[in-house]
Amino acid sequence: MKRGILVLLSLSVLVAVGYFTASKWAIRHETVTFIDPARGNRPVAVAIAVRRDKEMQANAGMITLPVAVLNHGNTVKHSEYSFLANVFAARGYLSLSPQHDLPTDPPMVTKPGEIYVGRLPQIERGVANIHFAVDEMKKVQPHANYDKLTMVGHSMGGDISMYFAKEYPEQIKKVVTLDNLRVPFMTDGKFKILSFRSKDAQFKPDPGVVPDADQCEKSDITVVDTGFQHNDMRDTGPDQAKASIQNMLDKFLKDTDSALAPVDTKAPKIIDKGSTKGSVSALSPAQKSPRAVTN
């Protein structure tokens, strides 16, 4: 039986809610649209989130902003992950959320038996959007580290994130996915990976996408079994789901961004799902949000 890793996400949820509610007012949100002449003047809208004080310091040349790229799920707008963008911005990141698909794009056709179930064209388009958006952002905010990106994504956006990391590992600082289903995790240990998994009968990862617990341990991969639904992992999801994800993500960033503290996202809150030690138990699934096909 496939083993998993269980995380108690309910701890400090109220603290996290208060923290992010207070901090989001110090965050500036803006959407800019860039036009890519190399792809038939394709518009690429990018939602930007950045802490105002950190932006002022960067503009003065005092600091260099770390960069997180947030990638949305299929049929979901790039602006529907502000609860994640606020976490990164609160931590001092420049958060960028490009729009990957347009109404004029051809429909995605699922093809069982083909690589990534026939979704490689959409994934490659997402990668092209990221490269273009990052190149344009260098002109808008030159005081940011675009050489080492934190790649983040939900569902199809998580597949885009993992594929980008696979193709351009030298440009990756870390990867965070929320229920990606098609592109297998990288297990070479070149960077840390955090992945939130749903408990959803409709959305299941393809075989071989999520490593087993032993491989995760070897490769410094943290898999979080949330107990929530696939579509709870965006702005329209329940507050409990979003606060839980925010709390764990904030801890992951705190640990991995610290040059002084040892990186250990597995202790003390993560245990083997099959273990009987301790008193940690799974969260009950939250109230289901309205469904949309976002895989």
C-alpha atoms as a PDB file:
ATOM      1  CA  MET A   1       0.000   0.000   0.000  1.00  0.00           C
ATOM      2  CA  LYS A   2       1.277   3.420  -0.922  1.00  0.00           C
ATOM      3  CA  ARG A   3       2.570   5.291   2.075  1.00  0.00           C
ATOM      4  CA  GLY A   4       1.984   8.970   2.656  1.00  0.00           C
ATOM      5  CA  ILE A   5       3.029  11.679   5.021  1.00  0.00           C
ATOM      6  CA  LEU A   6       0.465  13.204   7.315  1.00  0.00           C
ATOM      7  CA  VAL A   7       0.599  16.752   8.593  1.00  0.00           C
ATOM      8  CA  LEU A   8      -1.523  18.293  11.286  1.00  0.00           C
ATOM      9  CA  LEU A   9      -2.500  21.582   9.665  1.00  0.00           C
ATOM     10  CA  SER A  10      -4.973  22.785  12.265  1.00  0.00           C
ATOM     11  CA  LEU A  11      -2.267  23.995  14.678  1.00  0.00           C
ATOM     12  CA  SER A  12      -1.958  27.771  14.835  1.00  0.00           C
ATOM     13  CA  VAL A  13      -4.641  28.330  12.205  1.00  0.00           C
ATOM     14  CA  LEU A  14      -6.171  31.192  14.193  1.00  0.00           C
ATOM     15  CA  VAL A  15      -2.752  32.768  14.564  1.00  0.00           C
ATOM     16  CA  ALA A  16      -2.143  32.415  10.851  1.00  0.00           C
ATOM     17  CA  VAL A  17      -5.489  33.998   9.988  1.00  0.00           C
ATOM     18  CA  GLY A  18      -4.716  36.994  12.169  1.00  0.00           C
ATOM     19  CA  TYR A  19      -1.209  37.337  10.807  1.00  0.00           C
ATOM     20  CA  PHE A  20      -2.181  37.267   7.156  1.00  0.00           C
ATOM     21  CA  THR A  21      -5.256  39.430   7.645  1.00  0.00           C
ATOM     22  CA  ALA A  22      -3.081  42.115   9.200  1.00  0.00           C
ATOM     23  CA  SER A  23      -0.168  41.795   6.804  1.00  0.00           C
ATOM     24  CA  LYS A  24      -2.167  41.802   3.563  1.00  0.00           C
ATOM     25  CA  TRP A  25      -3.008  45.489   4.024  1.00  0.00           C
ATOM     26  CA  ALA A  26       0.713  46.269   3.680  1.00  0.00           C
ATOM     27  CA  ILE A  27       0.828  44.402   0.360  1.00  0.00           C
ATOM     28  CA  ARG A  28       0.397  46.111  -2.982  1.00  0.00           C
ATOM     29  CA  HIS A  29      -1.535  44.222  -5.663  1.00  0.00           C
ATOM     30  CA  GLU A  30      -1.381  45.194  -9.308  1.00  0.00           C
ATOM     31  CA  THR A  31      -2.042  43.508 -12.650  1.00  0.00           C
ATOM     32  CA  VAL A  32       0.007  44.396 -15.715  1.00  0.00           C
ATOM     33  CA  THR A  33      -0.367  42.994 -19.217  1.00  0.00           C
ATOM     34  CA  PHE A  34       2.608  42.383 -21.481  1.00  0.00           C
ATOM     35  CA  ILE A  35       2.342  41.754 -25.234  1.00  0.00           C
ATOM     36  CA  ASP A  36       4.536  39.045 -26.759  1.00  0.00           C
ATOM     37  CA  PRO A  37       5.234  39.884 -30.429  1.00  0.00           C
ATOM     38  CA  ALA A  38       7.078  36.585 -30.911  1.00  0.00           C
ATOM     39  CA  ARG A  39       3.808  34.724 -30.375  1.00  0.00           C
ATOM     40  CA  GLY A  40       1.435  36.781 -32.477  1.00  0.00           C
ATOM     41  CA  ASN A  41       1.118  39.633 -29.977  1.00  0.00           C
ATOM     42  CA  ARG A  42      -0.157  37.266 -27.322  1.00  0.00           C
ATOM     43  CA  PRO A  43      -1.207  39.147 -24.149  1.00  0.00           C
ATOM     44  CA  VAL A  44       0.196  37.800 -20.887  1.00  0.00           C
ATOM     45  CA  ALA A  45      -1.449  39.351 -17.844  1.00  0.00           C
ATOM     46  CA  VAL A  46       0.591  39.132 -14.637  1.00  0.00           C
ATOM     47  CA  ALA A  47      -0.845  39.679 -11.152  1.00  0.00           C
ATOM     48  CA  ILE A  48       1.838  41.227  -8.938  1.00  0.00           C
ATOM     49  CA  ALA A  49       1.889  41.175  -5.139  1.00  0.00           C
ATOM     50  CA  VAL A  50       4.676  42.795  -3.134  1.00  0.00           C
ATOM     51  CA  ARG A  51       5.100  44.257   0.332  1.00  0.00           C
ATOM     52  CA  ARG A  52       5.198  48.036   0.070  1.00  0.00           C
ATOM     53  CA  ASP A  53       8.126  48.508   2.432  1.00  0.00           C
ATOM     54  CA  LYS A  54      10.183  45.812   0.695  1.00  0.00           C
ATOM     55  CA  GLU A  55       9.384  47.321  -2.683  1.00  0.00           C
ATOM     56  CA  MET A  56      10.593  50.725  -1.499  1.00  0.00           C
ATOM     57  CA  GLN A  57      13.830  49.191  -0.223  1.00  0.00           C
ATOM     58  CA  ALA A  58      14.334  47.389  -3.524  1.00  0.00           C
ATOM     59  CA  ASN A  59      13.651  50.556  -5.532  1.00  0.00           C
ATOM     60  CA  ALA A  60      16.299  52.299  -3.432  1.00  0.00           C
ATOM     61  CA  GLY A  61      18.779  49.545  -4.267  1.00  0.00           C
ATOM     62  CA  MET A  62      18.971  48.409  -0.636  1.00  0.00           C
ATOM     63  CA  ILE A  63      17.744  44.831  -1.174  1.00  0.00           C
ATOM     64  CA  THR A  64      17.087  42.296  -3.920  1.00  0.00           C
ATOM     65  CA  LEU A  65      13.618  40.748  -3.835  1.00  0.00           C
ATOM     66  CA  PRO A  66      13.252  36.964  -4.062  1.00  0.00           C
ATOM     67  CA  VAL A  67      10.739  35.969  -6.743  1.00  0.00           C
ATOM     68  CA  ALA A  68       7.863  33.481  -6.605  1.00  0.00           C
ATOM     69  CA  VAL A  69       5.927  32.526  -9.750  1.00  0.00           C
ATOM     70  CA  LEU A  70       2.361  31.329  -9.063  1.00  0.00           C
ATOM     71  CA  ASN A  71       0.735  29.188 -11.752  1.00  0.00           C
ATOM     72  CA  HIS A  72      -3.041  28.707 -11.896  1.00  0.00           C
ATOM     73  CA  GLY A  73      -5.072  25.612 -12.643  1.00  0.00           C
ATOM     74  CA  ASN A  74      -6.789  24.856 -15.936  1.00  0.00           C
ATOM     75  CA  THR A  75      -9.806  27.146 -16.565  1.00  0.00           C
ATOM     76  CA  VAL A  76      -8.952  29.134 -13.408  1.00  0.00           C
ATOM     77  CA  LYS A  77      -7.911  32.792 -13.575  1.00  0.00           C
ATOM     78  CA  HIS A  78      -4.418  33.842 -12.532  1.00  0.00           C
ATOM     79  CA  SER A  79      -5.954  36.194  -9.975  1.00  0.00           C
ATOM     80  CA  GLU A  80      -7.607  33.392  -7.958  1.00  0.00           C
ATOM     81  CA  TYR A  81      -4.611  32.615  -5.739  1.00  0.00           C
ATOM     82  CA  SER A  82      -4.214  35.804  -3.758  1.00  0.00           C
ATOM     83  CA  PHE A  83      -4.206  33.789  -0.513  1.00  0.00           C
ATOM     84  CA  LEU A  84      -0.902  32.273  -1.683  1.00  0.00           C
ATOM     85  CA  ALA A  85       0.448  35.507  -3.141  1.00  0.00           C
ATOM     86  CA  ASN A  86      -0.100  37.220   0.216  1.00  0.00           C
ATOM     87  CA  VAL A  87       2.026  34.619   1.998  1.00  0.00           C
ATOM     88  CA  PHE A  88       4.948  35.150  -0.343  1.00  0.00           C
ATOM     89  CA  ALA A  89       4.584  38.930  -0.337  1.00  0.00           C
ATOM     90  CA  ALA A  90       4.398  38.993   3.456  1.00  0.00           C
ATOM     91  CA  ARG A  91       7.678  37.069   3.496  1.00  0.00           C
ATOM     92  CA  GLY A  92       9.303  39.737   1.300  1.00  0.00           C
ATOM     93  CA  TYR A  93       8.896  38.043  -2.080  1.00  0.00           C
ATOM     94  CA  LEU A  94       7.897  39.596  -5.355  1.00  0.00           C
ATOM     95  CA  SER A  95       4.942  37.369  -6.303  1.00  0.00           C
ATOM     96  CA  LEU A  96       4.097  37.004 -10.002  1.00  0.00           C
ATOM     97  CA  SER A  97       1.001  35.194 -11.304  1.00  0.00           C
ATOM     98  CA  PRO A  98       0.869  34.968 -15.123  1.00  0.00           C
ATOM     99  CA  GLN A  99      -2.297  34.113 -17.040  1.00  0.00           C
ATOM    100  CA  HIS A 100      -1.518  30.976 -19.031  1.00  0.00           C
ATOM    101  CA  ASP A 101      -4.623  30.320 -21.097  1.00  0.00           C
ATOM    102  CA  LEU A 102      -6.836  32.627 -23.150  1.00  0.00           C
ATOM    103  CA  PRO A 103     -10.395  32.223 -24.482  1.00  0.00           C
ATOM    104  CA  THR A 104      -8.921  32.070 -27.989  1.00  0.00           C
ATOM    105  CA  ASP A 105      -6.648  29.132 -27.174  1.00  0.00           C
ATOM    106  CA  PRO A 106      -7.663  25.736 -28.574  1.00  0.00           C
ATOM    107  CA  PRO A 107      -9.363  23.479 -26.034  1.00  0.00           C
ATOM    108  CA  MET A 108      -7.249  21.061 -24.056  1.00  0.00           C
ATOM    109  CA  VAL A 109      -7.734  17.509 -25.281  1.00  0.00           C
ATOM    110  CA  THR A 110      -7.035  14.677 -22.883  1.00  0.00           C
ATOM    111  CA  LYS A 111      -5.229  11.817 -24.627  1.00  0.00           C
ATOM    112  CA  PRO A 112      -4.655   8.786 -22.417  1.00  0.00           C
ATOM    113  CA  GLY A 113      -1.409   7.021 -23.198  1.00  0.00           C
ATOM    114  CA  GLU A 114       0.388  10.171 -24.333  1.00  0.00           C
ATOM    115  CA  ILE A 115       2.932  11.978 -22.198  1.00  0.00           C
ATOM    116  CA  TYR A 116       1.185  13.844 -19.368  1.00  0.00           C
ATOM    117  CA  VAL A 117      -2.128  12.606 -20.788  1.00  0.00           C
ATOM    118  CA  GLY A 118      -1.727  14.768 -23.868  1.00  0.00           C
ATOM    119  CA  ARG A 119      -1.249  18.016 -21.988  1.00  0.00           C
ATOM    120  CA  LEU A 120       2.325  18.748 -22.962  1.00  0.00           C
ATOM    121  CA  PRO A 121       1.353  21.578 -25.389  1.00  0.00           C
ATOM    122  CA  GLN A 122      -0.465  23.461 -22.612  1.00  0.00           C
ATOM    123  CA  ILE A 123       2.393  22.862 -20.190  1.00  0.00           C
ATOM    124  CA  GLU A 124       4.962  24.111 -22.689  1.00  0.00           C
ATOM    125  CA  ARG A 125       2.812  27.192 -23.342  1.00  0.00           C
ATOM    126  CA  GLY A 126       2.839  27.877 -19.615  1.00  0.00           C
ATOM    127  CA  VAL A 127       6.619  27.599 -19.515  1.00  0.00           C
ATOM    128  CA  ALA A 128       6.864  30.061 -22.415  1.00  0.00           C
ATOM    129  CA  ASN A 129       4.555  32.458 -20.555  1.00  0.00           C
ATOM    130  CA  ILE A 130       6.762  32.269 -17.465  1.00  0.00           C
ATOM    131  CA  HIS A 131       9.931  33.024 -19.415  1.00  0.00           C
ATOM    132  CA  PHE A 132       8.272  35.949 -21.177  1.00  0.00           C
ATOM    133  CA  ALA A 133       6.705  37.370 -18.009  1.00  0.00           C
ATOM    134  CA  VAL A 134       9.996  37.140 -16.092  1.00  0.00           C
ATOM    135  CA  ASP A 135      11.914  38.853 -18.899  1.00  0.00           C
ATOM    136  CA  GLU A 136       9.376  41.689 -18.957  1.00  0.00           C
ATOM    137  CA  MET A 137       9.363  42.020 -15.175  1.00  0.00           C
ATOM    138  CA  LYS A 138      13.114  42.560 -15.219  1.00  0.00           C
ATOM    139  CA  LYS A 139      12.349  45.901 -16.892  1.00  0.00           C
ATOM    140  CA  VAL A 140       9.629  46.776 -14.379  1.00  0.00           C
ATOM    141  CA  GLN A 141      11.465  45.720 -11.215  1.00  0.00           C
ATOM    142  CA  PRO A 142      15.186  45.174 -11.863  1.00  0.00           C
ATOM    143  CA  HIS A 143      15.988  44.752  -8.159  1.00  0.00           C
ATOM    144  CA  ALA A 144      14.745  41.167  -7.919  1.00  0.00           C
ATOM    145  CA  ASN A 145      16.446  37.790  -8.194  1.00  0.00           C
ATOM    146  CA  TYR A 146      15.064  36.285 -11.390  1.00  0.00           C
ATOM    147  CA  ASP A 147      17.939  33.792 -11.599  1.00  0.00           C
ATOM    148  CA  LYS A 148      16.551  31.652  -8.766  1.00  0.00           C
ATOM    149  CA  LEU A 149      12.769  31.303  -8.826  1.00  0.00           C
ATOM    150  CA  THR A 150      10.390  29.724  -6.353  1.00  0.00           C
ATOM    151  CA  MET A 151       7.908  27.924  -8.587  1.00  0.00           C
ATOM    152  CA  VAL A 152       4.362  27.463  -7.263  1.00  0.00           C
ATOM    153  CA  GLY A 153       1.261  25.982  -8.842  1.00  0.00           C
ATOM    154  CA  HIS A 154      -2.137  24.395  -8.321  1.00  0.00           C
ATOM    155  CA  SER A 155      -3.333  21.428 -10.389  1.00  0.00           C
ATOM    156  CA  MET A 156      -2.249  22.111 -13.995  1.00  0.00           C
ATOM    157  CA  GLY A 157      -0.221  25.022 -12.629  1.00  0.00           C
ATOM    158  CA  GLY A 158       1.578  22.570 -10.386  1.00  0.00           C
ATOM    159  CA  ASP A 159       2.400  20.446 -13.430  1.00  0.00           C
ATOM    160  CA  ILE A 160       3.717  23.550 -15.193  1.00  0.00           C
ATOM    161  CA  SER A 161       5.825  24.332 -12.115  1.00  0.00           C
ATOM    162  CA  MET A 162       7.294  20.840 -11.912  1.00  0.00           C
ATOM    163  CA  TYR A 163       7.951  20.709 -15.652  1.00  0.00           C
ATOM    164  CA  PHE A 164       9.686  24.096 -15.552  1.00  0.00           C
ATOM    165  CA  ALA A 165      11.849  22.838 -12.678  1.00  0.00           C
ATOM    166  CA  LYS A 166      12.654  19.685 -14.657  1.00  0.00           C
ATOM    167  CA  GLU A 167      13.689  21.629 -17.761  1.00  0.00           C
ATOM    168  CA  TYR A 168      15.449  24.530 -15.996  1.00  0.00           C
ATOM    169  CA  PRO A 169      16.693  23.245 -12.622  1.00  0.00           C
ATOM    170  CA  GLU A 170      19.449  25.852 -12.480  1.00  0.00           C
ATOM    171  CA  GLN A 171      16.766  28.559 -12.288  1.00  0.00           C
ATOM    172  CA  ILE A 172      14.904  26.980  -9.355  1.00  0.00           C
ATOM    173  CA  LYS A 173      15.206  27.789  -5.663  1.00  0.00           C
ATOM    174  CA  LYS A 174      12.303  25.610  -4.497  1.00  0.00           C
ATOM    175  CA  VAL A 175       8.981  24.222  -5.720  1.00  0.00           C
ATOM    176  CA  VAL A 176       5.539  24.270  -4.096  1.00  0.00           C
ATOM    177  CA  THR A 177       2.663  22.373  -5.684  1.00  0.00           C
ATOM    178  CA  LEU A 178      -0.977  22.011  -4.759  1.00  0.00           C
ATOM    179  CA  ASP A 179      -2.404  18.753  -6.096  1.00  0.00           C
ATOM    180  CA  ASN A 180      -0.496  18.502  -9.371  1.00  0.00           C
ATOM    181  CA  LEU A 181      -1.594  15.306 -11.109  1.00  0.00           C
ATOM    182  CA  ARG A 182       0.469  14.659 -14.249  1.00  0.00           C
ATOM    183  CA  VAL A 183       4.150  15.632 -14.101  1.00  0.00           C
ATOM    184  CA  PRO A 184       6.240  13.464 -11.730  1.00  0.00           C
ATOM    185  CA  PHE A 185       8.157  15.076  -8.906  1.00  0.00           C
ATOM    186  CA  MET A 186      11.862  15.583  -9.340  1.00  0.00           C
ATOM    187  CA  THR A 187      13.724  13.341  -6.912  1.00  0.00           C
ATOM    188  CA  ASP A 188      17.344  14.338  -7.457  1.00  0.00           C
ATOM    189  CA  GLY A 189      17.333  16.536  -4.347  1.00  0.00           C
ATOM    190  CA  LYS A 190      18.600  19.641  -6.137  1.00  0.00           C
ATOM    191  CA  PHE A 191      15.992  21.789  -4.397  1.00  0.00           C
ATOM    192  CA  LYS A 192      13.314  21.408  -1.758  1.00  0.00           C
ATOM    193  CA  ILE A 193       9.770  20.498  -2.727  1.00  0.00           C
ATOM    194  CA  LEU A 194       6.585  21.047  -0.734  1.00  0.00           C
ATOM    195  CA  SER A 195       3.364  19.527  -2.076  1.00  0.00           C
ATOM    196  CA  PHE A 196      -0.154  19.803  -0.661  1.00  0.00           C
ATOM    197  CA  ARG A 197      -2.368  16.845  -1.584  1.00  0.00           C
ATOM    198  CA  SER A 198      -6.145  16.684  -1.559  1.00  0.00           C
ATOM    199  CA  LYS A 199      -8.479  13.933  -0.440  1.00  0.00           C
ATOM    200  CA  ASP A 200     -10.684  13.950  -3.501  1.00  0.00           C
ATOM    201  CA  ALA A 201     -12.058  10.910  -5.324  1.00  0.00           C
ATOM    202  CA  GLN A 202     -12.400  12.854  -8.571  1.00  0.00           C
ATOM    203  CA  PHE A 203      -8.832  14.143  -8.739  1.00  0.00           C
ATOM    204  CA  LYS A 204      -6.155  11.469  -8.418  1.00  0.00           C
ATOM    205  CA  PRO A 205      -2.493  11.797  -9.456  1.00  0.00           C
ATOM    206  CA  ASP A 206      -1.273   9.574 -12.248  1.00  0.00           C
ATOM    207  CA  PRO A 207       0.875   6.603 -11.172  1.00  0.00           C
ATOM    208  CA  GLY A 208       4.435   7.657 -10.422  1.00  0.00           C
ATOM    209  CA  VAL A 209       3.692  11.361  -9.958  1.00  0.00           C
ATOM    210  CA  VAL A 210       3.999  11.484  -6.145  1.00  0.00           C
ATOM    211  CA  PRO A 211       6.993   9.597  -4.691  1.00  0.00           C
ATOM    212  CA  ASP A 212       6.518   7.221  -1.782  1.00  0.00           C
ATOM    213  CA  ALA A 213       7.510   8.214   1.745  1.00  0.00           C
ATOM    214  CA  ASP A 214      10.969   6.654   1.563  1.00  0.00           C
ATOM    215  CA  GLN A 215      11.830   8.514  -1.635  1.00  0.00           C
ATOM    216  CA  CYS A 216      10.453  11.747  -0.202  1.00  0.00           C
ATOM    217  CA  GLU A 217      12.727  11.370   2.809  1.00  0.00           C
ATOM    218  CA  LYS A 218      15.769  10.810   0.597  1.00  0.00           C
ATOM    219  CA  SER A 219      14.955  13.676  -1.756  1.00  0.00           C
ATOM    220  CA  ASP A 220      13.927  16.306   0.830  1.00  0.00           C
ATOM    221  CA  ILE A 221      10.339  16.336  -0.409  1.00  0.00           C
ATOM    222  CA  THR A 222       7.532  17.231   2.006  1.00  0.00           C
ATOM    223  CA  VAL A 223       4.114  15.840   1.087  1.00  0.00           C
ATOM    224  CA  VAL A 224       1.203  17.290   3.039  1.00  0.00           C
ATOM    225  CA  ASP A 225      -1.996  15.240   3.184  1.00  0.00           C
ATOM    226  CA  THR A 226      -4.492  18.026   3.830  1.00  0.00           C
ATOM    227  CA  GLY A 227      -7.818  16.186   3.798  1.00  0.00           C
ATOM    228  CA  PHE A 228      -9.317  19.004   1.713  1.00  0.00           C
ATOM    229  CA  GLN A 229     -10.852  18.895  -1.769  1.00  0.00           C
ATOM    230  CA  HIS A 230      -8.900  19.622  -4.945  1.00  0.00           C
ATOM    231  CA  ASN A 231     -10.788  22.842  -5.655  1.00  0.00           C
ATOM    232  CA  ASP A 232     -10.497  24.058  -2.063  1.00  0.00           C
ATOM    233  CA  MET A 233      -6.927  25.113  -2.863  1.00  0.00           C
ATOM    234  CA  ARG A 234      -7.716  28.518  -4.347  1.00  0.00           C
ATOM    235  CA  ASP A 235      -9.375  31.763  -3.284  1.00  0.00           C
ATOM    236  CA  THR A 236     -12.878  30.283  -3.608  1.00  0.00           C
ATOM    237  CA  GLY A 237     -12.038  27.505  -1.137  1.00  0.00           C
ATOM    238  CA  PRO A 238     -13.105  27.401   2.531  1.00  0.00           C
ATOM    239  CA  ASP A 239     -11.283  29.690   4.935  1.00  0.00           C
ATOM    240  CA  GLN A 240     -10.146  26.682   6.974  1.00  0.00           C
ATOM    241  CA  ALA A 241      -8.408  25.158   3.953  1.00  0.00           C
ATOM    242  CA  LYS A 242      -6.726  28.398   2.939  1.00  0.00           C
ATOM    243  CA  ALA A 243      -5.583  29.243   6.465  1.00  0.00           C
ATOM    244  CA  SER A 244      -4.160  25.750   6.939  1.00  0.00           C
ATOM    245  CA  ILE A 245      -2.220  25.920   3.673  1.00  0.00           C
ATOM    246  CA  GLN A 246      -1.012  29.438   4.471  1.00  0.00           C
ATOM    247  CA  ASN A 247       0.243  28.331   7.857  1.00  0.00           C
ATOM    248  CA  MET A 248       2.239  25.374   6.534  1.00  0.00           C
ATOM    249  CA  LEU A 249       3.552  27.340   3.561  1.00  0.00           C
ATOM    250  CA  ASP A 250       4.702  30.153   5.838  1.00  0.00           C
ATOM    251  CA  LYS A 251       6.580  27.667   8.025  1.00  0.00           C
ATOM    252  CA  PHE A 252       8.195  26.096   4.958  1.00  0.00           C
ATOM    253  CA  LEU A 253       9.356  29.499   3.708  1.00  0.00           C
ATOM    254  CA  LYS A 254      10.593  30.484   7.153  1.00  0.00           C
ATOM    255  CA  ASP A 255      12.679  27.318   7.384  1.00  0.00           C
ATOM    256  CA  THR A 256      14.005  27.247   3.828  1.00  0.00           C
ATOM    257  CA  ASP A 257      14.757  30.974   3.632  1.00  0.00           C
ATOM    258  CA  SER A 258      16.699  31.017   6.906  1.00  0.00           C
ATOM    259  CA  ALA A 259      20.459  30.955   6.552  1.00  0.00           C
ATOM    260  CA  LEU A 260      20.874  30.308  10.265  1.00  0.00           C
ATOM    261  CA  ALA A 261      18.281  27.735  11.272  1.00  0.00           C
ATOM    262  CA  PRO A 262      18.563  24.121  10.072  1.00  0.00           C
ATOM    263  CA  VAL A 263      15.988  23.207   7.465  1.00  0.00           C
ATOM    264  CA  ASP A 264      13.568  20.669   8.896  1.00  0.00           C
ATOM    265  CA  THR A 265      10.009  20.894   7.637  1.00  0.00           C
ATOM    266  CA  LYS A 266       9.262  17.323   8.668  1.00  0.00           C
ATOM    267  CA  ALA A 267       9.541  17.685  12.450  1.00  0.00           C
ATOM    268  CA  PRO A 268       7.736  17.890  14.719  1.00  0.00           C
ATOM    269  CA  LYS A 269       4.432  18.213  12.853  1.00  0.00           C
ATOM    270  CA  ILE A 270       4.845  15.554  10.178  1.00  0.00           C
ATOM    271  CA  ILE A 271       4.582  11.866  10.883  1.00  0.00           C
ATOM    272  CA  ASP A 272       4.261   8.658   8.921  1.00  0.00           C
ATOM    273  CA  LYS A 273       0.625   8.205   8.017  1.00  0.00           C
ATOM    274  CA  GLY A 274       0.790   4.585   9.122  1.00  0.00           C
ATOM    275  CA  SER A 275       2.381   5.325  12.477  1.00  0.00           C
ATOM    276  CA  THR A 276       0.473   4.796  15.699  1.00  0.00           C
ATOM    277  CA  LYS A 277       2.824   6.968  17.729  1.00  0.00           C
ATOM    278  CA  GLY A 278       1.681  10.289  19.115  1.00  0.00           C
ATOM    279  CA  SER A 279      -1.751  11.852  19.058  1.00  0.00           C
ATOM    280  CA  VAL A 280      -1.711  13.464  15.607  1.00  0.00           C
ATOM    281  CA  SER A 281      -4.851  12.850  13.590  1.00  0.00           C
ATOM    282  CA  ALA A 282      -6.103  13.899  10.179  1.00  0.00           C
ATOM    283  CA  LEU A 283      -8.345  16.870   9.649  1.00  0.00           C
ATOM    284  CA  SER A 284     -11.871  16.158   8.558  1.00  0.00           C
ATOM    285  CA  PRO A 285     -12.493  17.282   4.974  1.00  0.00           C
ATOM    286  CA  ALA A 286     -13.794  20.827   4.811  1.00  0.00           C
ATOM    287  CA  GLN A 287     -17.054  21.777   3.233  1.00  0.00           C
ATOM    288  CA  LYS A 288     -16.789  21.143  -0.467  1.00  0.00           C
ATOM    289  CA  SER A 289     -16.533  24.146  -2.744  1.00  0.00           C
ATOM    290  CA  PRO A 290     -18.315  24.334  -6.127  1.00  0.00           C
ATOM    291  CA  ARG A 291     -16.590  22.065  -8.596  1.00  0.00           C
ATOM    292  CA  ALA A 292     -14.891  23.078 -11.784  1.00  0.00           C
ATOM    293  CA  VAL A 293     -12.560  21.058 -13.929  1.00  0.00           C
ATOM    294  CA  THR A 294      -9.136  22.391 -12.904  1.00  0.00           C
ATOM    295  CA  ASN A 295      -6.925  19.350 -13.368  1.00  0.00           C
END
